[in-house]
Amino acid sequence: MDMHAVVTLLEDVQTTNFESGEPLLLRRGETGTVVMLYGDGTCEVEFADRHGRTYALLPLPLDRLLVLRDVPERR
């Protein structure tokens, strides 16, 4: 996993809205950006709307995420 990787959720996640604190359900397939990597197998993921406003920011285990790629890896 790399910083600023675009990731998608592999399962639904219950959290709270970043600003209002209201309950929020992030659905499987929702995309976010990795903004921090931790050494314990988790990373901080930011979920933002089309205008760039953050609505959720939470630590997630790497095994609950799939990295989305738009170019092939070189081998």
N, C-alpha and C. Protein backbone atom coordinates (compact mmCIF):
# COMPACT_ATOMS: atom_id res chain seq x y z
N MET A 1 0.86 -1.18 0.00
CA MET A 1 0.00 0.00 0.00
C MET A 1 0.90 1.24 0.00
N ASP A 2 0.55 2.19 -0.82
CA ASP A 2 1.32 3.44 -0.92
C ASP A 2 0.48 4.62 -0.45
N MET A 3 1.17 5.65 -0.01
CA MET A 3 0.49 6.91 0.31
C MET A 3 -0.22 7.41 -0.95
N HIS A 4 -1.38 7.97 -0.77
CA HIS A 4 -2.20 8.56 -1.83
C HIS A 4 -2.78 7.53 -2.79
N ALA A 5 -2.69 6.25 -2.44
CA ALA A 5 -3.33 5.22 -3.25
C ALA A 5 -4.84 5.40 -3.19
N VAL A 6 -5.50 5.18 -4.31
CA VAL A 6 -6.96 5.19 -4.34
C VAL A 6 -7.40 3.77 -4.03
N VAL A 7 -8.28 3.65 -3.04
CA VAL A 7 -8.72 2.34 -2.57
C VAL A 7 -10.24 2.27 -2.55
N THR A 8 -10.74 1.05 -2.53
CA THR A 8 -12.17 0.83 -2.41
C THR A 8 -12.43 -0.12 -1.24
N LEU A 9 -13.56 0.05 -0.60
CA LEU A 9 -13.93 -0.80 0.52
C LEU A 9 -14.39 -2.18 0.03
N LEU A 10 -13.95 -3.21 0.71
CA LEU A 10 -14.37 -4.57 0.39
C LEU A 10 -15.62 -4.98 1.16
N GLU A 11 -16.00 -4.18 2.14
CA GLU A 11 -17.22 -4.45 2.92
C GLU A 11 -17.74 -3.14 3.48
N ASP A 12 -19.01 -3.12 3.89
CA ASP A 12 -19.61 -1.93 4.49
C ASP A 12 -18.89 -1.58 5.79
N VAL A 13 -18.82 -0.28 6.09
CA VAL A 13 -18.18 0.19 7.32
C VAL A 13 -19.07 1.25 7.96
N GLN A 14 -19.41 1.05 9.21
CA GLN A 14 -20.17 2.04 9.98
C GLN A 14 -19.18 3.03 10.59
N THR A 15 -19.44 4.34 10.43
CA THR A 15 -18.57 5.37 10.98
C THR A 15 -19.42 6.60 11.29
N THR A 16 -18.77 7.74 11.46
CA THR A 16 -19.49 9.00 11.67
C THR A 16 -18.98 10.03 10.67
N ASN A 17 -19.85 10.99 10.35
CA ASN A 17 -19.48 12.07 9.45
C ASN A 17 -18.35 12.88 10.06
N PHE A 18 -17.35 13.20 9.26
CA PHE A 18 -16.14 13.90 9.69
C PHE A 18 -16.46 15.23 10.37
N GLU A 19 -17.43 15.98 9.85
CA GLU A 19 -17.74 17.30 10.39
C GLU A 19 -18.87 17.28 11.42
N SER A 20 -19.96 16.60 11.09
CA SER A 20 -21.15 16.68 11.95
C SER A 20 -21.17 15.63 13.06
N GLY A 21 -20.44 14.53 12.89
CA GLY A 21 -20.47 13.46 13.87
C GLY A 21 -21.69 12.56 13.75
N GLU A 22 -22.53 12.80 12.75
CA GLU A 22 -23.72 11.97 12.53
C GLU A 22 -23.32 10.59 12.04
N PRO A 23 -24.10 9.56 12.37
CA PRO A 23 -23.80 8.21 11.88
C PRO A 23 -23.77 8.18 10.36
N LEU A 24 -22.86 7.38 9.84
CA LEU A 24 -22.66 7.31 8.40
C LEU A 24 -22.30 5.87 8.04
N LEU A 25 -22.90 5.34 6.99
CA LEU A 25 -22.59 4.01 6.52
C LEU A 25 -21.86 4.12 5.19
N LEU A 26 -20.60 3.69 5.17
CA LEU A 26 -19.84 3.64 3.93
C LEU A 26 -20.08 2.27 3.33
N ARG A 27 -20.49 2.23 2.09
CA ARG A 27 -20.86 0.98 1.43
C ARG A 27 -19.68 0.34 0.71
N ARG A 28 -19.72 -0.97 0.62
CA ARG A 28 -18.74 -1.72 -0.15
C ARG A 28 -18.63 -1.08 -1.54
N GLY A 29 -17.39 -0.87 -2.00
CA GLY A 29 -17.17 -0.25 -3.30
C GLY A 29 -16.92 1.25 -3.24
N GLU A 30 -17.18 1.85 -2.08
CA GLU A 30 -16.91 3.29 -1.93
C GLU A 30 -15.41 3.53 -2.00
N THR A 31 -15.02 4.61 -2.66
CA THR A 31 -13.59 4.87 -2.86
C THR A 31 -13.09 5.98 -1.95
N GLY A 32 -11.82 5.84 -1.56
CA GLY A 32 -11.15 6.82 -0.72
C GLY A 32 -9.67 6.89 -1.08
N THR A 33 -8.95 7.73 -0.35
CA THR A 33 -7.52 7.93 -0.59
C THR A 33 -6.74 7.66 0.69
N VAL A 34 -5.67 6.90 0.58
CA VAL A 34 -4.80 6.63 1.73
C VAL A 34 -4.02 7.90 2.06
N VAL A 35 -4.15 8.36 3.31
CA VAL A 35 -3.46 9.59 3.72
C VAL A 35 -2.42 9.35 4.82
N MET A 36 -2.39 8.14 5.37
CA MET A 36 -1.41 7.81 6.41
C MET A 36 -1.27 6.30 6.47
N LEU A 37 -0.02 5.85 6.61
CA LEU A 37 0.25 4.42 6.76
C LEU A 37 0.75 4.17 8.17
N TYR A 38 0.23 3.14 8.81
CA TYR A 38 0.65 2.77 10.15
C TYR A 38 1.39 1.43 10.07
N GLY A 39 2.25 1.15 11.01
CA GLY A 39 3.04 -0.07 11.01
C GLY A 39 2.31 -1.31 11.49
N ASP A 40 1.06 -1.15 11.91
CA ASP A 40 0.32 -2.28 12.47
C ASP A 40 -0.66 -2.93 11.49
N GLY A 41 -0.49 -2.66 10.19
CA GLY A 41 -1.38 -3.26 9.19
C GLY A 41 -2.64 -2.46 8.95
N THR A 42 -2.64 -1.19 9.33
CA THR A 42 -3.77 -0.31 9.05
C THR A 42 -3.28 0.94 8.34
N CYS A 43 -4.23 1.65 7.76
CA CYS A 43 -3.93 2.93 7.15
C CYS A 43 -5.12 3.86 7.35
N GLU A 44 -4.85 5.14 7.33
CA GLU A 44 -5.89 6.16 7.46
C GLU A 44 -6.41 6.45 6.05
N VAL A 45 -7.72 6.38 5.88
CA VAL A 45 -8.32 6.60 4.56
C VAL A 45 -9.28 7.78 4.65
N GLU A 46 -9.14 8.69 3.69
CA GLU A 46 -10.03 9.85 3.59
C GLU A 46 -11.05 9.59 2.49
N PHE A 47 -12.31 9.82 2.82
CA PHE A 47 -13.41 9.73 1.86
C PHE A 47 -13.95 11.14 1.66
N ALA A 48 -13.99 11.56 0.40
CA ALA A 48 -14.39 12.93 0.10
C ALA A 48 -15.43 12.94 -1.03
N ASP A 49 -16.23 14.00 -1.06
CA ASP A 49 -17.23 14.11 -2.12
C ASP A 49 -16.60 14.68 -3.39
N ARG A 50 -17.40 14.88 -4.41
CA ARG A 50 -16.90 15.36 -5.71
C ARG A 50 -16.32 16.76 -5.65
N HIS A 51 -16.61 17.47 -4.59
CA HIS A 51 -16.09 18.84 -4.43
C HIS A 51 -14.85 18.87 -3.53
N GLY A 52 -14.38 17.69 -3.14
CA GLY A 52 -13.17 17.60 -2.33
C GLY A 52 -13.40 17.77 -0.84
N ARG A 53 -14.65 17.81 -0.40
CA ARG A 53 -14.96 17.96 1.03
C ARG A 53 -14.95 16.59 1.70
N THR A 54 -14.16 16.47 2.75
CA THR A 54 -14.05 15.21 3.48
C THR A 54 -15.34 14.94 4.24
N TYR A 55 -15.88 13.73 4.10
CA TYR A 55 -17.05 13.34 4.89
C TYR A 55 -16.73 12.19 5.84
N ALA A 56 -15.58 11.53 5.64
CA ALA A 56 -15.16 10.48 6.58
C ALA A 56 -13.64 10.35 6.53
N LEU A 57 -13.05 10.12 7.68
CA LEU A 57 -11.61 9.91 7.81
C LEU A 57 -11.44 8.89 8.92
N LEU A 58 -10.92 7.69 8.55
CA LEU A 58 -10.84 6.65 9.56
C LEU A 58 -9.74 5.65 9.24
N PRO A 59 -9.21 5.02 10.31
CA PRO A 59 -8.22 3.97 10.10
C PRO A 59 -8.92 2.68 9.70
N LEU A 60 -8.33 1.99 8.73
CA LEU A 60 -8.91 0.74 8.26
C LEU A 60 -7.81 -0.30 8.08
N PRO A 61 -8.10 -1.56 8.38
CA PRO A 61 -7.13 -2.62 8.13
C PRO A 61 -6.92 -2.79 6.62
N LEU A 62 -5.69 -3.07 6.24
CA LEU A 62 -5.36 -3.22 4.83
C LEU A 62 -6.17 -4.33 4.16
N ASP A 63 -6.54 -5.36 4.91
CA ASP A 63 -7.28 -6.47 4.31
C ASP A 63 -8.75 -6.15 4.04
N ARG A 64 -9.19 -4.96 4.40
CA ARG A 64 -10.56 -4.53 4.09
C ARG A 64 -10.61 -3.58 2.90
N LEU A 65 -9.42 -3.42 2.24
CA LEU A 65 -9.31 -2.47 1.13
C LEU A 65 -8.74 -3.14 -0.11
N LEU A 66 -9.10 -2.60 -1.25
CA LEU A 66 -8.54 -3.03 -2.53
C LEU A 66 -7.98 -1.79 -3.21
N VAL A 67 -6.72 -1.84 -3.64
CA VAL A 67 -6.11 -0.72 -4.35
C VAL A 67 -6.64 -0.69 -5.77
N LEU A 68 -7.08 0.48 -6.22
CA LEU A 68 -7.55 0.66 -7.59
C LEU A 68 -6.39 1.19 -8.42
N ARG A 69 -6.21 0.64 -9.59
CA ARG A 69 -5.09 1.03 -10.45
C ARG A 69 -5.63 1.49 -11.80
N ASP A 70 -4.97 2.50 -12.36
CA ASP A 70 -5.39 2.97 -13.68
C ASP A 70 -4.30 2.76 -14.74
N VAL A 71 -3.17 2.22 -14.33
CA VAL A 71 -2.10 1.84 -15.26
C VAL A 71 -1.52 0.51 -14.82
N PRO A 72 -1.05 -0.31 -15.74
CA PRO A 72 -0.47 -1.60 -15.36
C PRO A 72 0.86 -1.43 -14.66
N GLU A 73 1.19 -2.40 -13.80
CA GLU A 73 2.49 -2.42 -13.13
C GLU A 73 3.55 -2.96 -14.08
N ARG A 74 4.74 -2.41 -14.01
CA ARG A 74 5.86 -2.94 -14.80
C ARG A 74 6.51 -4.05 -14.01
N ARG A 75 6.89 -5.09 -14.67
CA ARG A 75 7.54 -6.23 -14.00
C ARG A 75 8.98 -6.31 -14.42
